[in-house]
Amino acid sequence: MDDLGRCYFLLGLDPGANPDQIKEAWRDLVQVWHPDRFGGNERLQQKAQEKLKQINQAYEKLRNPQAGAGAQSTTGAATASYDYPGFNGDEPEIDPMEVLRQGVNAWNIWRKKYSNLRPNLQSANLNGMRLEGIDLREANLSSAALQDCDLYKANLSGTTATAVRLQRSDLSRALLLGANLRLADLSEADLSGADLAGAVLAKCKLFRTNLVATNFCGADLSEASGVTRQQMAYTSTDHKTKLPSYL
């Protein structure tokens, strides 16, 4: 059996299965073999981890043969992001960081499945992470470190992010509707095209922040520091926007 044939076999598929069938088979097997299902039995957990590694390698190879081959030859471990289903009812007792380490795709699937959760990432160190398009709605990001992060088109609406550190991060076209960014440091960040309607940015830092086409309608920027009239000239505001007194 050749390498691709073995991958189809591991996922219980016939050769030539289409991408939707491959993804469906992979997700089913992830739920069957996820180590969390074997809590309390270390021997079975180790077996499940090995099986899950094989399943992820097979999925990555079938999804993208060239990338899968490269990942397998250089690391010998699974590199695919996978569904983290929880298995503990509507509120799985899972550390959000464990989900996030599996990648943005796994995180977004998890958030969609458990939409009632409010992930707690308070004081988390996420510096430099690639989080493009991540769903962080209503998460607790207070005092978290997100410097130099890729948050392009991320959804941070309704987040509690007081004193969050976002220096130099790419937040272009991100959604931050109603986010609480009080005391946040956004110095040198890119907020171009971002929507901060109704957001609270009181006492935040906006030194050399890119605010081209940023929406601040209804936002509270009272006592924000570093922002200039030239920066604000390229933003959208309305009569509800609270600007620093020096502008």
Protein backbone atom coordinates (compact mmCIF):
# COMPACT_ATOMS: atom_id res chain seq x y z
CA MET A 1 0.00 0.00 0.00
CA ASP A 2 1.46 3.38 -0.97
CA ASP A 3 1.61 6.38 1.36
CA LEU A 4 -1.61 8.03 0.12
CA GLY A 5 -3.41 4.70 0.18
CA ARG A 6 -2.41 4.26 3.81
CA CYS A 7 -3.76 7.75 4.60
CA TYR A 8 -7.14 6.88 3.08
CA PHE A 9 -7.09 3.61 5.03
CA LEU A 10 -6.38 5.37 8.34
CA LEU A 11 -9.38 7.65 7.79
CA GLY A 12 -11.58 4.73 6.72
CA LEU A 13 -12.01 6.13 3.21
CA ASP A 14 -11.86 4.79 -0.31
CA PRO A 15 -9.10 6.28 -2.49
CA GLY A 16 -10.30 9.37 -4.32
CA ALA A 17 -12.66 10.60 -1.59
CA ASN A 18 -13.52 14.27 -2.02
CA PRO A 19 -12.34 17.01 0.40
CA ASP A 20 -15.66 17.17 2.26
CA GLN A 21 -15.60 13.41 2.87
CA ILE A 22 -12.00 13.59 4.04
CA LYS A 23 -12.75 16.40 6.49
CA GLU A 24 -15.88 14.68 7.81
CA ALA A 25 -14.03 11.40 8.37
CA TRP A 26 -11.17 13.21 10.12
CA ARG A 27 -13.49 15.11 12.47
CA ASP A 28 -15.36 11.93 13.37
CA LEU A 29 -12.13 10.11 14.19
CA VAL A 30 -10.82 13.04 16.24
CA GLN A 31 -13.86 12.74 18.47
CA VAL A 32 -13.49 8.97 18.75
CA TRP A 33 -9.78 9.04 19.60
CA HIS A 34 -9.40 12.28 21.52
CA PRO A 35 -7.31 11.57 24.67
CA ASP A 36 -9.78 13.45 26.88
CA ARG A 37 -12.18 10.54 26.45
CA PHE A 38 -9.78 8.29 28.33
CA GLY A 39 -9.23 10.42 31.40
CA GLY A 40 -7.91 8.44 34.36
CA ASN A 41 -6.33 5.72 32.23
CA GLU A 42 -2.81 6.78 31.30
CA ARG A 43 -2.17 3.72 29.14
CA LEU A 44 -5.23 4.33 26.98
CA GLN A 45 -4.51 8.05 26.80
CA GLN A 46 -1.05 7.33 25.38
CA LYS A 47 -2.55 4.98 22.80
CA ALA A 48 -5.15 7.58 21.86
CA GLN A 49 -2.48 10.27 21.50
CA GLU A 50 -0.50 8.10 19.10
CA LYS A 51 -3.62 7.21 17.12
CA LEU A 52 -4.65 10.85 16.95
CA LYS A 53 -1.19 11.80 15.70
CA GLN A 54 -1.53 9.27 12.87
CA ILE A 55 -5.03 10.54 12.03
CA ASN A 56 -3.84 14.15 11.87
CA GLN A 57 -0.84 13.22 9.72
CA ALA A 58 -3.11 11.36 7.31
CA TYR A 59 -5.56 14.25 7.16
CA GLU A 60 -2.81 16.79 6.53
CA LYS A 61 -1.31 14.62 3.78
CA LEU A 62 -4.66 14.18 1.99
CA ARG A 63 -5.63 17.81 2.42
CA ASN A 64 -2.35 19.07 1.02
CA PRO A 65 0.03 16.31 -0.13
CA GLN A 66 3.08 18.57 -0.47
CA ALA A 67 2.58 20.33 2.87
CA GLY A 68 1.75 17.08 4.60
CA ALA A 69 4.87 15.38 3.30
CA GLY A 70 7.05 18.28 4.36
CA ALA A 71 5.55 18.43 7.82
CA GLN A 72 5.95 14.71 8.37
CA SER A 73 9.54 14.57 7.20
CA THR A 74 10.71 17.52 9.28
CA THR A 75 8.82 17.00 12.52
CA GLY A 76 7.56 13.44 12.55
CA ALA A 77 4.46 14.72 14.36
CA ALA A 78 1.00 15.93 13.49
CA THR A 79 0.89 19.53 12.33
CA ALA A 80 -2.77 19.80 11.42
CA SER A 81 -5.09 21.92 13.50
CA TYR A 82 -7.93 19.78 14.70
CA ASP A 83 -11.31 20.02 16.29
CA TYR A 84 -11.18 20.14 20.09
CA PRO A 85 -14.65 18.89 20.98
CA GLY A 86 -14.54 18.88 24.77
CA PHE A 87 -16.64 15.82 25.68
CA ASN A 88 -17.85 17.36 28.95
CA GLY A 89 -21.27 18.74 28.08
CA ASP A 90 -21.99 22.34 27.15
CA GLU A 91 -19.17 23.76 29.26
CA PRO A 92 -16.07 21.62 28.76
CA GLU A 93 -13.42 21.99 31.47
CA ILE A 94 -10.65 22.84 29.04
CA ASP A 95 -7.89 25.39 29.37
CA PRO A 96 -8.51 27.81 26.45
CA MET A 97 -4.77 27.99 25.85
CA GLU A 98 -4.72 24.26 25.12
CA VAL A 99 -7.28 24.84 22.36
CA LEU A 100 -5.49 27.92 21.04
CA ARG A 101 -2.23 25.99 20.69
CA GLN A 102 -3.96 23.82 18.08
CA GLY A 103 -4.38 26.88 15.85
CA VAL A 104 -7.02 29.40 14.83
CA ASN A 105 -9.13 26.85 12.93
CA ALA A 106 -9.42 24.56 15.95
CA TRP A 107 -10.19 27.55 18.19
CA ASN A 108 -12.95 28.87 15.93
CA ILE A 109 -14.56 25.44 15.64
CA TRP A 110 -14.49 25.10 19.42
CA ARG A 111 -16.02 28.58 19.90
CA LYS A 112 -18.76 27.83 17.39
CA LYS A 113 -19.63 24.57 19.11
CA TYR A 114 -19.60 26.09 22.60
CA SER A 115 -20.87 29.56 21.77
CA ASN A 116 -22.04 30.13 25.33
CA LEU A 117 -18.47 30.06 26.69
CA ARG A 118 -16.59 33.21 27.64
CA PRO A 119 -12.93 32.15 27.29
CA ASN A 120 -10.65 33.42 30.03
CA LEU A 121 -7.28 34.47 28.59
CA GLN A 122 -6.55 37.00 31.31
CA SER A 123 -2.82 37.75 31.57
CA ALA A 124 -2.08 35.19 28.83
CA ASN A 125 1.15 35.55 26.86
CA LEU A 126 0.21 35.51 23.16
CA ASN A 127 3.04 37.66 21.87
CA GLY A 128 3.78 37.27 18.19
CA MET A 129 1.04 34.71 17.52
CA ARG A 130 -0.65 34.48 14.10
CA LEU A 131 -4.33 34.87 14.96
CA GLU A 132 -5.76 36.07 11.66
CA GLY A 133 -9.56 35.78 11.63
CA ILE A 134 -9.79 34.41 15.18
CA ASP A 135 -13.10 34.59 17.06
CA LEU A 136 -12.33 36.19 20.43
CA ARG A 137 -15.78 37.62 21.02
CA GLU A 138 -16.54 38.31 24.70
CA ALA A 139 -13.29 36.73 25.82
CA ASN A 140 -11.44 38.05 28.86
CA LEU A 141 -8.13 39.46 27.60
CA SER A 142 -7.42 41.77 30.53
CA SER A 143 -3.69 42.36 31.02
CA ALA A 144 -2.91 39.85 28.24
CA ALA A 145 0.24 40.29 26.15
CA LEU A 146 -0.50 40.41 22.41
CA GLN A 147 2.37 42.46 21.09
CA ASP A 148 3.34 41.91 17.44
CA CYS A 149 0.31 39.66 16.82
CA ASP A 150 -1.44 39.11 13.49
CA LEU A 151 -5.09 39.86 14.29
CA TYR A 152 -6.15 40.83 10.80
CA LYS A 153 -9.94 40.52 10.48
CA ALA A 154 -10.14 39.10 14.01
CA ASN A 155 -13.39 39.45 15.94
CA LEU A 156 -12.83 40.95 19.39
CA SER A 157 -16.31 42.41 19.79
CA GLY A 158 -17.47 42.61 23.38
CA THR A 159 -14.11 41.53 24.78
CA THR A 160 -12.96 42.65 28.21
CA ALA A 161 -9.43 43.76 27.41
CA THR A 162 -8.48 46.29 30.07
CA ALA A 163 -4.75 47.01 30.13
CA VAL A 164 -4.16 44.61 27.23
CA ARG A 165 -0.83 45.09 25.45
CA LEU A 166 -1.24 45.28 21.67
CA GLN A 167 1.82 47.24 20.61
CA ARG A 168 2.71 46.82 16.93
CA SER A 169 -0.07 44.28 16.35
CA ASP A 170 -1.98 44.09 13.07
CA LEU A 171 -5.65 44.76 13.87
CA SER A 172 -6.53 46.01 10.41
CA ARG A 173 -10.17 45.36 9.49
CA ALA A 174 -10.74 43.76 12.89
CA LEU A 175 -14.09 43.96 14.70
CA LEU A 176 -13.92 45.46 18.20
CA LEU A 177 -17.54 46.49 18.62
CA GLY A 178 -18.21 47.45 22.23
CA ALA A 179 -14.83 46.11 23.36
CA ASN A 180 -13.49 47.37 26.70
CA LEU A 181 -9.95 48.53 25.92
CA ARG A 182 -9.53 50.85 28.88
CA LEU A 183 -5.84 51.41 29.65
CA ALA A 184 -4.85 49.33 26.60
CA ASP A 185 -1.54 50.01 24.88
CA LEU A 186 -2.13 50.20 21.11
CA SER A 187 1.05 52.09 20.30
CA GLU A 188 2.26 51.51 16.73
CA ALA A 189 -0.57 49.04 16.13
CA ASP A 190 -2.41 48.96 12.80
CA LEU A 191 -6.12 49.72 13.31
CA SER A 192 -6.75 50.72 9.71
CA GLY A 193 -10.28 49.83 8.68
CA ALA A 194 -11.05 48.42 12.13
CA ASP A 195 -14.53 48.88 13.60
CA LEU A 196 -14.47 50.12 17.21
CA ALA A 197 -18.03 51.44 17.33
CA GLY A 198 -19.09 51.77 20.96
CA ALA A 199 -15.70 50.62 22.25
CA VAL A 200 -14.18 52.00 25.45
CA LEU A 201 -10.63 53.28 24.94
CA ALA A 202 -10.42 55.60 27.94
CA LYS A 203 -6.82 56.19 29.02
CA CYS A 204 -5.49 53.96 26.25
CA LYS A 205 -2.23 54.67 24.40
CA LEU A 206 -2.38 55.46 20.68
CA PHE A 207 1.14 56.66 19.92
CA ARG A 208 1.88 56.31 16.19
CA THR A 209 -1.12 54.03 15.76
CA ASN A 210 -2.45 53.66 12.20
CA LEU A 211 -6.05 54.93 12.37
CA VAL A 212 -6.81 55.30 8.67
CA ALA A 213 -10.51 54.52 8.08
CA THR A 214 -10.99 53.40 11.71
CA ASN A 215 -14.58 53.63 12.95
CA PHE A 216 -14.86 55.33 16.36
CA CYS A 217 -18.57 56.13 16.22
CA GLY A 218 -19.94 56.02 19.76
CA ALA A 219 -16.50 55.15 21.16
CA ASP A 220 -15.02 56.58 24.35
CA LEU A 221 -11.49 57.90 23.83
CA SER A 222 -11.53 60.21 26.85
CA GLU A 223 -8.08 60.69 28.34
CA ALA A 224 -6.47 58.60 25.58
CA SER A 225 -2.84 59.58 25.10
CA GLY A 226 -0.71 59.86 21.98
CA VAL A 227 -3.53 60.43 19.50
CA THR A 228 -3.25 63.51 17.29
CA ARG A 229 -5.68 65.60 15.28
CA GLN A 230 -3.97 64.38 12.13
CA GLN A 231 -4.64 60.76 13.10
CA MET A 232 -8.26 61.48 13.93
CA ALA A 233 -8.78 63.30 10.63
CA TYR A 234 -8.76 59.93 8.87
CA THR A 235 -11.23 58.25 11.24
CA SER A 236 -15.02 58.11 11.43
CA THR A 237 -16.66 59.66 14.50
CA ASP A 238 -20.11 60.92 15.47
CA HIS A 239 -21.73 63.07 18.14
CA LYS A 240 -21.49 60.21 20.64
CA THR A 241 -17.73 59.83 20.27
CA LYS A 242 -15.86 61.05 23.36
CA LEU A 243 -12.51 62.53 22.36
CA PRO A 244 -9.55 63.52 24.56
CA SER A 245 -9.90 67.06 25.90
CA TYR A 246 -6.71 68.22 24.16
CA LEU A 247 -8.10 67.57 20.66
